[in-house]
């Protein structure tokens, strides 16, 4: 599938999305499930509830489950309120992400939120990742703890994707800002993508490098999704035309990081970030070109893990790199 008009699509999307006003997420353009999504896999493990306003995805011994947007998008704001499974969740992976791996198997793009389960008494961890043009050999992962229990209540997780930046938000607090640089070339996601939400068995890697696996004694594991937002430039895969949402009724859509949000983001990263590829001296002797080194972040991570972020020897049990392509193979085989 080729996008000969991709440059024009980028220009149109930027112009139309650019008129949106930064603000809170209180007035988001929320849609019903059937308005923007469709079933991906998992048969009756996907249940639409509350008159189409919420979706429950479950994982049991038979299968995981997932849903996918009906349209492709080139840039936009994508969001959902998610409540994660409670109790023992080791090996469980809940993902909210964008990808075009089904169309571009060798040069796909991805923007990922991944939630990694844990043993009883240990908290869920959140991971973000970015791939562009099939650059899976360059992992751009970051991992964080959260300041709340994501299994107790719904919390909003959002992705803002433009031609120049990608921002991840949790409850309107930006936790990661990824800016495009000229030296990245095609490594910045630039092709239309579909939005996915899935729950699946990641026992081989998700918890302590596979040490703790999914225990189906605690199944079904149920992830609840609500407040679904698909606000961007939908791309017709045949006509190559972009249809962009306008600003009317969308004052809750952000366009970047405000001054107050930046202070919150810096505070979050100093306190809750537990891994960033930019500071991993084992994987990268020289940080990738897009990395902006923050001395305070570097010092905290060095204290947290002096081997990975200092000058020690490799921890062979560490495994940070993981592509959603492998997950796609898992789901397609179920």
Protein backbone atom coordinates (compact mmCIF):
# COMPACT_ATOMS: atom_id res chain seq x y z
CA UNK A 1 0.00 0.00 0.00
CA UNK A 2 1.56 3.29 -1.07
CA UNK A 3 0.66 6.82 0.01
CA UNK A 4 1.69 9.00 -2.92
CA UNK A 5 -0.14 11.96 -1.41
CA UNK A 6 1.39 11.55 2.04
CA UNK A 7 3.07 14.96 2.00
CA UNK A 8 -0.25 16.64 1.18
CA UNK A 9 -2.01 14.65 3.90
CA UNK A 10 0.55 15.78 6.46
CA UNK A 11 0.07 19.42 5.48
CA UNK A 12 -3.74 19.22 5.62
CA UNK A 13 -3.73 17.39 8.95
CA UNK A 14 -1.31 19.86 10.51
CA UNK A 15 -3.36 22.85 9.39
CA UNK A 16 -6.62 21.44 10.68
CA UNK A 17 -5.31 19.99 13.92
CA UNK A 18 -3.27 23.12 14.57
CA UNK A 19 -6.38 25.20 15.28
CA UNK A 20 -7.22 23.13 18.33
CA UNK A 21 -6.70 24.79 21.68
CA UNK A 22 -4.59 23.39 24.49
CA UNK A 23 -6.56 22.73 27.65
CA UNK A 24 -7.87 20.16 30.10
CA UNK A 25 -9.41 16.83 29.10
CA UNK A 26 -12.78 17.63 30.69
CA UNK A 27 -14.46 18.37 27.33
CA UNK A 28 -13.12 15.58 25.15
CA UNK A 29 -15.16 14.47 22.11
CA UNK A 30 -16.06 11.03 23.49
CA UNK A 31 -17.62 8.49 21.11
CA UNK A 32 -19.54 5.24 21.48
CA UNK A 33 -17.71 2.02 20.64
CA UNK A 34 -19.65 1.34 17.44
CA UNK A 35 -18.98 4.85 16.15
CA UNK A 36 -15.26 4.31 15.80
CA UNK A 37 -14.18 0.79 16.71
CA UNK A 38 -14.69 -2.81 15.76
CA UNK A 39 -13.91 -6.23 17.25
CA UNK A 40 -10.33 -7.45 16.62
CA UNK A 41 -10.03 -10.85 18.28
CA UNK A 42 -11.15 -12.81 21.32
CA UNK A 43 -14.75 -13.71 20.45
CA UNK A 44 -16.95 -13.27 23.54
CA UNK A 45 -13.97 -12.06 25.61
CA UNK A 46 -14.89 -8.60 24.32
CA UNK A 47 -18.07 -7.19 25.86
CA UNK A 48 -19.57 -3.78 25.07
CA UNK A 49 -21.42 -2.35 28.09
CA UNK A 50 -23.20 0.83 29.25
CA UNK A 51 -25.04 1.27 25.92
CA UNK A 52 -21.80 1.29 23.98
CA UNK A 53 -19.93 3.72 26.20
CA UNK A 54 -17.52 1.14 27.67
CA UNK A 55 -15.74 -2.03 26.59
CA UNK A 56 -14.47 -4.91 28.72
CA UNK A 57 -11.54 -6.95 27.39
CA UNK A 58 -10.73 -10.21 29.15
CA UNK A 59 -7.90 -12.73 29.14
CA UNK A 60 -8.49 -16.37 30.11
CA UNK A 61 -6.95 -19.74 29.31
CA UNK A 62 -8.53 -19.72 25.85
CA UNK A 63 -7.58 -16.32 24.52
CA UNK A 64 -7.01 -12.66 25.09
CA UNK A 65 -9.08 -10.04 23.28
CA UNK A 66 -8.89 -6.70 21.54
CA UNK A 67 -10.56 -4.03 19.45
CA UNK A 68 -9.36 -1.77 16.66
CA UNK A 69 -10.37 1.56 15.14
CA UNK A 70 -12.42 1.42 11.96
CA UNK A 71 -10.26 4.09 10.31
CA UNK A 72 -6.61 4.81 9.68
CA UNK A 73 -5.33 8.08 11.11
CA UNK A 74 -2.49 10.40 10.19
CA UNK A 75 -1.93 12.45 13.36
CA UNK A 76 -4.46 13.30 16.05
CA UNK A 77 -5.40 12.86 19.70
CA UNK A 78 -6.34 9.39 20.91
CA UNK A 79 -7.49 8.61 24.42
CA UNK A 80 -9.28 6.17 26.71
CA UNK A 81 -10.08 5.81 30.39
CA UNK A 82 -8.77 2.42 31.49
CA UNK A 83 -9.22 0.35 34.63
CA UNK A 84 -6.72 -2.51 34.89
CA UNK A 85 -7.20 -5.97 36.45
CA UNK A 86 -6.46 -6.29 40.17
CA UNK A 87 -4.69 -8.84 42.40
CA UNK A 88 -2.08 -11.19 40.85
CA UNK A 89 -1.48 -9.96 37.28
CA UNK A 90 2.07 -11.16 36.51
CA UNK A 91 2.58 -11.79 32.79
CA UNK A 92 -0.56 -9.89 31.79
CA UNK A 93 -0.11 -7.15 29.19
CA UNK A 94 -2.75 -4.53 28.45
CA UNK A 95 -1.92 -2.36 25.43
CA UNK A 96 -3.34 0.87 24.01
CA UNK A 97 -1.37 1.67 20.90
CA UNK A 98 -1.17 2.77 17.27
CA UNK A 99 0.38 0.66 14.53
CA UNK A 100 0.39 0.00 10.79
CA UNK A 101 2.18 -3.33 11.02
CA UNK A 102 -0.56 -5.11 9.09
CA UNK A 103 0.15 -2.90 6.05
CA UNK A 104 3.88 -2.25 6.40
CA UNK A 105 5.38 -5.46 7.74
CA UNK A 106 9.00 -4.44 7.10
CA UNK A 107 8.80 -0.70 7.79
CA UNK A 108 5.93 -0.26 10.20
CA UNK A 109 5.34 2.57 12.68
CA UNK A 110 4.13 2.26 16.28
CA UNK A 111 3.22 4.45 19.25
CA UNK A 112 2.65 2.34 22.37
CA UNK A 113 1.18 2.47 25.81
CA UNK A 114 1.80 -0.92 27.46
CA UNK A 115 0.71 -1.84 30.98
CA UNK A 116 2.72 -4.66 32.54
CA UNK A 117 1.19 -6.74 35.31
CA UNK A 118 2.93 -7.88 38.47
CA UNK A 119 2.84 -10.32 41.35
CA UNK A 120 0.56 -9.68 44.30
CA UNK A 121 1.72 -6.73 46.38
CA UNK A 122 3.68 -5.19 43.49
CA UNK A 123 2.39 -2.36 41.33
CA UNK A 124 1.53 -2.34 37.65
CA UNK A 125 4.22 -0.71 35.50
CA UNK A 126 3.59 1.42 32.46
CA UNK A 127 5.78 1.39 29.36
CA UNK A 128 5.81 3.73 26.37
CA UNK A 129 7.55 2.99 23.10
CA UNK A 130 7.95 4.47 19.62
CA UNK A 131 9.00 2.90 16.34
CA UNK A 132 9.25 4.51 12.93
CA UNK A 133 9.83 2.94 9.55
CA UNK A 134 10.52 -0.49 11.03
CA UNK A 135 13.25 0.75 13.36
CA UNK A 136 12.72 -2.08 15.85
CA UNK A 137 16.49 -2.44 16.26
CA UNK A 138 16.43 0.90 18.10
CA UNK A 139 14.25 0.47 21.16
CA UNK A 140 12.86 3.76 22.42
CA UNK A 141 11.25 2.42 25.57
CA UNK A 142 10.60 4.20 28.82
CA UNK A 143 9.10 2.65 31.95
CA UNK A 144 7.43 4.26 34.92
CA UNK A 145 5.65 3.60 38.17
CA UNK A 146 2.38 5.44 38.73
CA UNK A 147 1.29 7.65 41.62
CA UNK A 148 -1.99 5.71 41.97
CA UNK A 149 -3.31 2.15 41.76
CA UNK A 150 -4.55 1.77 38.16
CA UNK A 151 -6.72 -1.20 39.18
CA UNK A 152 -8.81 0.78 41.69
CA UNK A 153 -10.46 3.18 39.27
CA UNK A 154 -10.49 4.51 35.72
CA UNK A 155 -7.65 6.80 34.62
CA UNK A 156 -7.20 8.62 31.32
CA UNK A 157 -4.33 7.60 29.03
CA UNK A 158 -3.79 9.70 25.91
CA UNK A 159 -1.53 10.02 22.87
CA UNK A 160 -1.02 13.25 20.94
CA UNK A 161 0.66 12.64 17.56
CA UNK A 162 1.60 15.44 15.17
CA UNK A 163 4.16 15.76 12.38
CA UNK A 164 6.73 17.12 14.86
CA UNK A 165 6.05 15.52 18.25
CA UNK A 166 4.45 12.69 20.19
CA UNK A 167 3.23 13.27 23.76
CA UNK A 168 1.96 10.66 26.20
CA UNK A 169 -0.46 11.81 28.92
CA UNK A 170 -1.81 10.21 32.09
CA UNK A 171 -4.79 12.06 33.58
CA UNK A 172 -3.80 15.15 31.55
CA UNK A 173 -0.26 15.05 32.96
CA UNK A 174 2.29 14.68 30.14
CA UNK A 175 4.72 11.93 31.09
CA UNK A 176 6.78 11.87 27.90
CA UNK A 177 7.48 14.36 25.12
CA UNK A 178 9.16 12.96 22.01
CA UNK A 179 10.22 15.54 19.43
CA UNK A 180 11.13 14.82 15.84
CA UNK A 181 14.69 15.66 14.84
CA UNK A 182 16.17 15.95 11.36
CA UNK A 183 18.75 13.28 12.11
CA UNK A 184 16.01 10.72 12.88
CA UNK A 185 14.94 10.59 9.25
CA UNK A 186 12.22 7.98 8.82
CA UNK A 187 12.51 6.76 12.40
CA UNK A 188 9.74 9.18 13.40
CA UNK A 189 6.26 7.64 12.82
CA UNK A 190 4.94 9.29 9.66
CA UNK A 191 2.56 6.84 7.97
CA UNK A 192 -1.18 6.45 8.73
CA UNK A 193 -1.88 4.10 11.61
CA UNK A 194 -4.79 2.30 13.25
CA UNK A 195 -5.55 2.45 16.98
CA UNK A 196 -5.63 -0.82 18.95
CA UNK A 197 -6.53 -1.95 22.46
CA UNK A 198 -5.65 -5.48 23.59
CA UNK A 199 -5.11 -7.74 26.58
CA UNK A 200 -2.86 -10.76 26.15
CA UNK A 201 -0.45 -13.21 27.77
CA UNK A 202 3.08 -11.77 27.81
CA UNK A 203 4.50 -14.31 30.25
CA UNK A 204 7.75 -14.70 28.33
CA UNK A 205 8.91 -11.14 29.02
CA UNK A 206 6.42 -8.86 30.81
CA UNK A 207 7.25 -9.47 34.50
CA UNK A 208 10.89 -9.68 35.58
CA UNK A 209 11.97 -10.90 32.14
CA UNK A 210 9.57 -13.86 32.26
CA UNK A 211 10.34 -15.00 35.81
CA UNK A 212 6.70 -14.65 36.83
CA UNK A 213 4.03 -15.92 34.43
CA UNK A 214 0.28 -15.59 34.05
CA UNK A 215 -1.54 -17.76 36.59
CA UNK A 216 -4.94 -18.60 35.14
CA UNK A 217 -6.21 -19.50 38.60
CA UNK A 218 -6.93 -15.75 38.84
CA UNK A 219 -8.61 -15.52 35.42
CA UNK A 220 -10.48 -13.95 33.86
CA UNK A 221 -8.32 -10.83 33.85
CA UNK A 222 -10.56 -7.94 32.79
CA UNK A 223 -9.41 -4.54 31.50
CA UNK A 224 -12.17 -1.93 31.27
CA UNK A 225 -12.11 0.86 28.66
CA UNK A 226 -14.31 3.95 28.66
CA UNK A 227 -14.30 7.62 27.49
CA UNK A 228 -13.07 6.61 24.04
CA UNK A 229 -11.62 9.45 21.92
CA UNK A 230 -10.58 9.24 18.25
CA UNK A 231 -9.88 12.80 17.15
CA UNK A 232 -7.65 13.27 14.16
CA UNK A 233 -7.21 12.94 10.42
CA UNK A 234 -8.87 9.76 9.15
CA UNK A 235 -7.28 8.53 5.92
CA UNK A 236 -9.15 6.74 3.16
CA UNK A 237 -6.86 3.79 2.28
CA UNK A 238 -8.09 3.75 -1.34
CA UNK A 239 -8.58 7.40 -2.22
CA UNK A 240 -5.60 8.56 -0.11
CA UNK A 241 -7.68 11.46 1.18
CA UNK A 242 -7.60 12.78 4.74
CA UNK A 243 -10.75 13.76 6.65
CA UNK A 244 -9.75 15.82 9.69
CA UNK A 245 -11.90 16.56 12.72
CA UNK A 246 -12.40 20.28 13.23
CA UNK A 247 -12.12 22.27 16.43
CA UNK A 248 -15.84 22.64 17.08
CA UNK A 249 -16.71 21.15 20.47
CA UNK A 250 -13.12 20.03 21.01
CA UNK A 251 -11.70 22.55 23.42
CA UNK A 252 -10.38 19.69 25.56
CA UNK A 253 -7.91 18.55 22.90
CA UNK A 254 -4.30 19.55 23.73
CA UNK A 255 -1.75 20.65 21.15
CA UNK A 256 1.37 20.44 23.30
CA UNK A 257 2.75 20.88 26.79
CA UNK A 258 1.79 24.00 28.73
CA UNK A 259 4.13 25.64 31.24
CA UNK A 260 2.23 24.18 34.19
CA UNK A 261 2.13 20.75 32.55
CA UNK A 262 5.86 20.86 31.91
CA UNK A 263 6.52 21.39 35.62
CA UNK A 264 4.29 18.38 36.37
CA UNK A 265 5.99 16.30 33.70
CA UNK A 266 9.46 17.04 35.04
CA UNK A 267 8.30 16.17 38.55
CA UNK A 268 6.75 12.90 37.37
CA UNK A 269 9.83 11.82 35.46
CA UNK A 270 12.20 12.60 38.33
CA UNK A 271 10.09 10.62 40.77
CA UNK A 272 8.49 7.80 38.79
CA UNK A 273 10.60 6.97 35.72
CA UNK A 274 12.49 3.70 36.18
CA UNK A 275 13.92 3.19 32.69
CA UNK A 276 14.76 5.30 29.64
CA UNK A 277 16.68 4.16 26.59
CA UNK A 278 18.40 7.55 26.46
CA UNK A 279 20.34 6.77 29.64
CA UNK A 280 21.03 3.06 29.01
CA UNK A 281 24.81 2.88 28.69
CA UNK A 282 24.72 -0.86 28.04
CA UNK A 283 22.60 -0.55 24.91
CA UNK A 284 23.84 2.80 23.67
CA UNK A 285 27.37 4.03 24.25
CA UNK A 286 26.20 7.28 22.68
CA UNK A 287 22.53 8.25 23.19
CA UNK A 288 20.40 8.32 20.01
CA UNK A 289 20.26 11.72 18.37
CA UNK A 290 16.77 12.65 19.56
CA UNK A 291 17.66 12.22 23.24
CA UNK A 292 17.77 15.34 25.41
CA UNK A 293 19.75 14.45 28.52
CA UNK A 294 18.41 15.81 31.80
CA UNK A 295 21.13 15.63 34.50
CA UNK A 296 18.58 15.15 37.29
CA UNK A 297 16.90 12.28 35.46
CA UNK A 298 20.29 10.75 34.75
CA UNK A 299 21.35 10.92 38.39
CA UNK A 300 18.10 9.40 39.67
CA UNK A 301 18.31 6.50 37.21
CA UNK A 302 22.00 5.95 38.08
CA UNK A 303 20.97 5.63 41.72
CA UNK A 304 18.07 3.33 40.81
CA UNK A 305 20.18 1.00 38.62
CA UNK A 306 23.92 1.82 38.54
CA UNK A 307 24.67 -1.09 36.18
CA UNK A 308 22.29 -0.10 33.37
CA UNK A 309 22.63 3.65 33.80
CA UNK A 310 26.19 3.79 35.09
CA UNK A 311 29.32 2.02 33.91
CA UNK A 312 28.87 -1.48 35.25
CA UNK A 313 28.48 -4.84 33.55
CA UNK A 314 25.38 -6.07 31.78
CA UNK A 315 22.44 -7.55 33.69
CA UNK A 316 21.60 -10.53 31.49
CA UNK A 317 18.14 -10.81 33.03
CA UNK A 318 17.16 -7.32 31.86
CA UNK A 319 14.92 -7.20 28.81
CA UNK A 320 13.50 -3.86 27.79
CA UNK A 321 13.11 -4.26 24.05
CA UNK A 322 9.77 -5.53 22.79
CA UNK A 323 8.01 -4.88 19.50
CA UNK A 324 4.27 -4.92 18.99
CA UNK A 325 4.91 -6.94 15.82
CA UNK A 326 5.55 -10.00 17.99
CA UNK A 327 2.30 -9.30 19.81
CA UNK A 328 0.49 -9.12 16.49
CA UNK A 329 1.79 -12.59 15.68
CA UNK A 330 0.52 -13.82 19.04
CA UNK A 331 -2.97 -12.46 18.50
CA UNK A 332 -3.19 -13.69 14.91
CA UNK A 333 -2.40 -17.22 16.01
CA UNK A 334 -5.13 -17.35 18.64
